[in-house]
Amino acid sequence: MSKAYTGGCACGAIRYEITAEPVFSNDCQCRDCQRESGTGHQSHLTFPRQNVALTGEGRPWEMVADSGVRKTRYFCPTCGSPVYLTFSSMPQFFAVRATSLDEPGRYKPQAVTYTSEGHAWDHLDPDLPKFEKMPPR
């Protein structure tokens, strides 16, 4: 690993430092990600939870994905930025929004998920593997 991934919300009330490489990075086109981002997709990096140091407390919003997975999205209670999410069925993982990184250019997507809900106007890298839902684990 070269250096830690660091980031947080717009106002700095929530900060994280992650000392591992992502296990998965994806552009998700599901309707939940569209609504949260205000555009055609949301970009995530998922890490092993054990490598995450988090300061500040996000405001949680729990939901059930169409896959049946319960996930909790966390927003800054001060500035409203979406910062990270966790999965109750997979507590070993911690995902951050690519836009919350201090260096968003470090984000390298590996796949596009939920293309079944994508829009023609949301142009993503045509060379990335694409999945109608989530890829098999």
C-alpha atoms as a PDB file:
ATOM      1  CA  MET A   1       0.000   0.000   0.000  1.00  0.00           C
ATOM      2  CA  SER A   2       1.363   3.380  -0.988  1.00  0.00           C
ATOM      3  CA  LYS A   3      -0.324   5.757   1.429  1.00  0.00           C
ATOM      4  CA  ALA A   4      -3.505   5.947   3.459  1.00  0.00           C
ATOM      5  CA  TYR A   5      -6.790   6.979   1.892  1.00  0.00           C
ATOM      6  CA  THR A   6      -8.080  10.017   3.754  1.00  0.00           C
ATOM      7  CA  GLY A   7     -11.247  12.044   3.438  1.00  0.00           C
ATOM      8  CA  GLY A   8     -14.419  13.248   5.058  1.00  0.00           C
ATOM      9  CA  CYS A   9     -17.354  15.585   4.723  1.00  0.00           C
ATOM     10  CA  ALA A  10     -17.340  19.116   3.279  1.00  0.00           C
ATOM     11  CA  CYS A  11     -17.163  20.871   6.658  1.00  0.00           C
ATOM     12  CA  GLY A  12     -14.599  18.529   8.281  1.00  0.00           C
ATOM     13  CA  ALA A  13     -16.835  17.268  11.108  1.00  0.00           C
ATOM     14  CA  ILE A  14     -16.363  13.683   9.848  1.00  0.00           C
ATOM     15  CA  ARG A  15     -12.914  12.409   8.868  1.00  0.00           C
ATOM     16  CA  TYR A  16     -11.524   8.988   8.021  1.00  0.00           C
ATOM     17  CA  GLU A  17      -8.140   7.411   7.373  1.00  0.00           C
ATOM     18  CA  ILE A  18      -7.928   3.990   5.737  1.00  0.00           C
ATOM     19  CA  THR A  19      -4.708   1.975   5.683  1.00  0.00           C
ATOM     20  CA  ALA A  20      -5.641  -0.613   3.055  1.00  0.00           C
ATOM     21  CA  GLU A  21      -6.370  -0.784  -0.637  1.00  0.00           C
ATOM     22  CA  PRO A  22     -10.030  -1.024  -1.661  1.00  0.00           C
ATOM     23  CA  VAL A  23     -11.403  -4.539  -2.116  1.00  0.00           C
ATOM     24  CA  PHE A  24     -13.928  -3.221  -4.668  1.00  0.00           C
ATOM     25  CA  SER A  25     -14.534   0.110  -6.405  1.00  0.00           C
ATOM     26  CA  ASN A  26     -17.678   0.668  -8.436  1.00  0.00           C
ATOM     27  CA  ASP A  27     -19.963   3.145 -10.115  1.00  0.00           C
ATOM     28  CA  CYS A  28     -23.466   2.168  -8.985  1.00  0.00           C
ATOM     29  CA  GLN A  29     -26.454   3.216 -11.093  1.00  0.00           C
ATOM     30  CA  CYS A  30     -29.202   1.978  -8.737  1.00  0.00           C
ATOM     31  CA  ARG A  31     -32.063   4.388  -8.050  1.00  0.00           C
ATOM     32  CA  ASP A  32     -31.000   4.810  -4.412  1.00  0.00           C
ATOM     33  CA  CYS A  33     -27.551   6.012  -5.484  1.00  0.00           C
ATOM     34  CA  GLN A  34     -29.079   8.240  -8.147  1.00  0.00           C
ATOM     35  CA  ARG A  35     -31.368   9.896  -5.612  1.00  0.00           C
ATOM     36  CA  GLU A  36     -28.602  10.359  -3.081  1.00  0.00           C
ATOM     37  CA  SER A  37     -26.093  11.777  -5.561  1.00  0.00           C
ATOM     38  CA  GLY A  38     -28.517  13.884  -7.573  1.00  0.00           C
ATOM     39  CA  THR A  39     -27.122  12.423 -10.784  1.00  0.00           C
ATOM     40  CA  GLY A  40     -26.953   9.112 -12.662  1.00  0.00           C
ATOM     41  CA  HIS A  41     -24.719   7.123 -10.305  1.00  0.00           C
ATOM     42  CA  GLN A  42     -22.691   7.088  -7.106  1.00  0.00           C
ATOM     43  CA  SER A  43     -19.024   6.048  -6.957  1.00  0.00           C
ATOM     44  CA  HIS A  44     -17.861   3.901  -4.019  1.00  0.00           C
ATOM     45  CA  LEU A  45     -14.660   2.400  -2.673  1.00  0.00           C
ATOM     46  CA  THR A  46     -15.119  -0.529  -0.293  1.00  0.00           C
ATOM     47  CA  PHE A  47     -12.448  -1.365   2.278  1.00  0.00           C
ATOM     48  CA  PRO A  48     -11.868  -3.892   5.071  1.00  0.00           C
ATOM     49  CA  ARG A  49     -13.477  -2.333   8.182  1.00  0.00           C
ATOM     50  CA  GLN A  50     -10.507  -3.224  10.369  1.00  0.00           C
ATOM     51  CA  ASN A  51      -8.322  -0.728   8.487  1.00  0.00           C
ATOM     52  CA  VAL A  52     -10.607   2.290   9.003  1.00  0.00           C
ATOM     53  CA  ALA A  53     -10.079   5.026  11.591  1.00  0.00           C
ATOM     54  CA  LEU A  54     -13.135   7.308  11.786  1.00  0.00           C
ATOM     55  CA  THR A  55     -13.624  10.548  13.697  1.00  0.00           C
ATOM     56  CA  GLY A  56     -16.928  12.365  13.996  1.00  0.00           C
ATOM     57  CA  GLU A  57     -20.337  10.807  13.843  1.00  0.00           C
ATOM     58  CA  GLY A  58     -22.496  10.548  10.766  1.00  0.00           C
ATOM     59  CA  ARG A  59     -26.280  10.715  10.762  1.00  0.00           C
ATOM     60  CA  PRO A  60     -27.489   7.236   9.753  1.00  0.00           C
ATOM     61  CA  TRP A  61     -30.213   6.340   7.285  1.00  0.00           C
ATOM     62  CA  GLU A  62     -30.908   2.609   7.114  1.00  0.00           C
ATOM     63  CA  MET A  63     -32.491   1.031   4.088  1.00  0.00           C
ATOM     64  CA  VAL A  64     -32.949  -2.341   2.440  1.00  0.00           C
ATOM     65  CA  ALA A  65     -31.513  -2.681  -1.049  1.00  0.00           C
ATOM     66  CA  ASP A  66     -33.452  -4.606  -3.677  1.00  0.00           C
ATOM     67  CA  SER A  67     -30.950  -7.432  -3.085  1.00  0.00           C
ATOM     68  CA  GLY A  68     -32.272  -7.686   0.475  1.00  0.00           C
ATOM     69  CA  VAL A  69     -29.029  -6.361   1.975  1.00  0.00           C
ATOM     70  CA  ARG A  70     -29.556  -3.894   4.813  1.00  0.00           C
ATOM     71  CA  LYS A  71     -27.256  -0.938   4.425  1.00  0.00           C
ATOM     72  CA  THR A  72     -26.813   2.217   6.414  1.00  0.00           C
ATOM     73  CA  ARG A  73     -25.789   5.406   4.665  1.00  0.00           C
ATOM     74  CA  TYR A  74     -24.126   8.066   6.809  1.00  0.00           C
ATOM     75  CA  PHE A  75     -24.362  11.809   6.188  1.00  0.00           C
ATOM     76  CA  CYS A  76     -22.724  14.689   8.032  1.00  0.00           C
ATOM     77  CA  PRO A  77     -25.315  16.168  10.421  1.00  0.00           C
ATOM     78  CA  THR A  78     -23.804  19.637   9.902  1.00  0.00           C
ATOM     79  CA  CYS A  79     -23.190  19.994   6.147  1.00  0.00           C
ATOM     80  CA  GLY A  80     -25.282  17.074   4.849  1.00  0.00           C
ATOM     81  CA  SER A  81     -22.488  15.479   2.808  1.00  0.00           C
ATOM     82  CA  PRO A  82     -22.888  11.750   2.111  1.00  0.00           C
ATOM     83  CA  VAL A  83     -19.665  10.206   3.423  1.00  0.00           C
ATOM     84  CA  TYR A  84     -19.789   6.458   4.032  1.00  0.00           C
ATOM     85  CA  LEU A  85     -21.977   3.386   4.280  1.00  0.00           C
ATOM     86  CA  THR A  86     -21.981   0.062   6.098  1.00  0.00           C
ATOM     87  CA  PHE A  87     -23.768  -3.234   5.541  1.00  0.00           C
ATOM     88  CA  SER A  88     -25.343  -5.137   8.454  1.00  0.00           C
ATOM     89  CA  SER A  89     -24.933  -8.464   6.630  1.00  0.00           C
ATOM     90  CA  MET A  90     -21.275  -7.673   5.853  1.00  0.00           C
ATOM     91  CA  PRO A  91     -19.905  -5.813   8.900  1.00  0.00           C
ATOM     92  CA  GLN A  92     -16.347  -6.488   7.774  1.00  0.00           C
ATOM     93  CA  PHE A  93     -16.706  -3.868   5.020  1.00  0.00           C
ATOM     94  CA  PHE A  94     -16.809  -0.068   5.051  1.00  0.00           C
ATOM     95  CA  ALA A  95     -17.526   1.930   1.886  1.00  0.00           C
ATOM     96  CA  VAL A  96     -16.771   5.589   1.230  1.00  0.00           C
ATOM     97  CA  ARG A  97     -17.966   7.923  -1.496  1.00  0.00           C
ATOM     98  CA  ALA A  98     -15.249   8.678  -4.025  1.00  0.00           C
ATOM     99  CA  THR A  99     -16.148  12.364  -3.778  1.00  0.00           C
ATOM    100  CA  SER A 100     -15.402  12.327  -0.036  1.00  0.00           C
ATOM    101  CA  LEU A 101     -11.740  11.456  -0.638  1.00  0.00           C
ATOM    102  CA  ASP A 102      -9.169  14.184  -0.073  1.00  0.00           C
ATOM    103  CA  GLU A 103      -7.687  13.000  -3.382  1.00  0.00           C
ATOM    104  CA  PRO A 104     -10.672  11.871  -5.485  1.00  0.00           C
ATOM    105  CA  GLY A 105      -8.310  11.170  -8.382  1.00  0.00           C
ATOM    106  CA  ARG A 106      -7.187   8.029  -6.545  1.00  0.00           C
ATOM    107  CA  TYR A 107     -10.556   6.446  -7.298  1.00  0.00           C
ATOM    108  CA  LYS A 108     -10.213   3.772  -9.983  1.00  0.00           C
ATOM    109  CA  PRO A 109     -13.546   2.065 -10.735  1.00  0.00           C
ATOM    110  CA  GLN A 110     -13.457  -1.674 -11.396  1.00  0.00           C
ATOM    111  CA  ALA A 111     -17.052  -2.136 -12.557  1.00  0.00           C
ATOM    112  CA  VAL A 112     -20.420  -0.510 -13.153  1.00  0.00           C
ATOM    113  CA  THR A 113     -23.267  -2.033 -11.140  1.00  0.00           C
ATOM    114  CA  TYR A 114     -27.044  -1.797 -11.545  1.00  0.00           C
ATOM    115  CA  THR A 115     -26.858  -0.896 -15.218  1.00  0.00           C
ATOM    116  CA  SER A 116     -30.480  -2.094 -15.401  1.00  0.00           C
ATOM    117  CA  GLU A 117     -31.416   1.199 -13.706  1.00  0.00           C
ATOM    118  CA  GLY A 118     -28.925   3.422 -15.526  1.00  0.00           C
ATOM    119  CA  HIS A 119     -29.765   6.250 -17.914  1.00  0.00           C
ATOM    120  CA  ALA A 120     -28.479   6.744 -21.457  1.00  0.00           C
ATOM    121  CA  TRP A 121     -27.283  10.242 -20.514  1.00  0.00           C
ATOM    122  CA  ASP A 122     -25.025   8.911 -17.706  1.00  0.00           C
ATOM    123  CA  HIS A 123     -21.874   8.114 -19.697  1.00  0.00           C
ATOM    124  CA  LEU A 124     -19.475   5.882 -17.781  1.00  0.00           C
ATOM    125  CA  ASP A 125     -16.241   4.239 -18.912  1.00  0.00           C
ATOM    126  CA  PRO A 126     -17.289   1.877 -21.746  1.00  0.00           C
ATOM    127  CA  ASP A 127     -14.340  -0.441 -21.007  1.00  0.00           C
ATOM    128  CA  LEU A 128     -15.491  -1.297 -17.462  1.00  0.00           C
ATOM    129  CA  PRO A 129     -17.255  -4.606 -16.800  1.00  0.00           C
ATOM    130  CA  LYS A 130     -20.989  -3.978 -16.436  1.00  0.00           C
ATOM    131  CA  PHE A 131     -23.526  -5.823 -14.285  1.00  0.00           C
ATOM    132  CA  GLU A 132     -27.306  -5.486 -14.383  1.00  0.00           C
ATOM    133  CA  LYS A 133     -27.332  -5.870 -10.571  1.00  0.00           C
ATOM    134  CA  MET A 134     -24.420  -6.638  -8.214  1.00  0.00           C
ATOM    135  CA  PRO A 135     -21.761  -9.081  -9.451  1.00  0.00           C
ATOM    136  CA  PRO A 136     -21.673 -12.509  -7.829  1.00  0.00           C
ATOM    137  CA  ARG A 137     -19.518 -12.709  -4.698  1.00  0.00           C
END
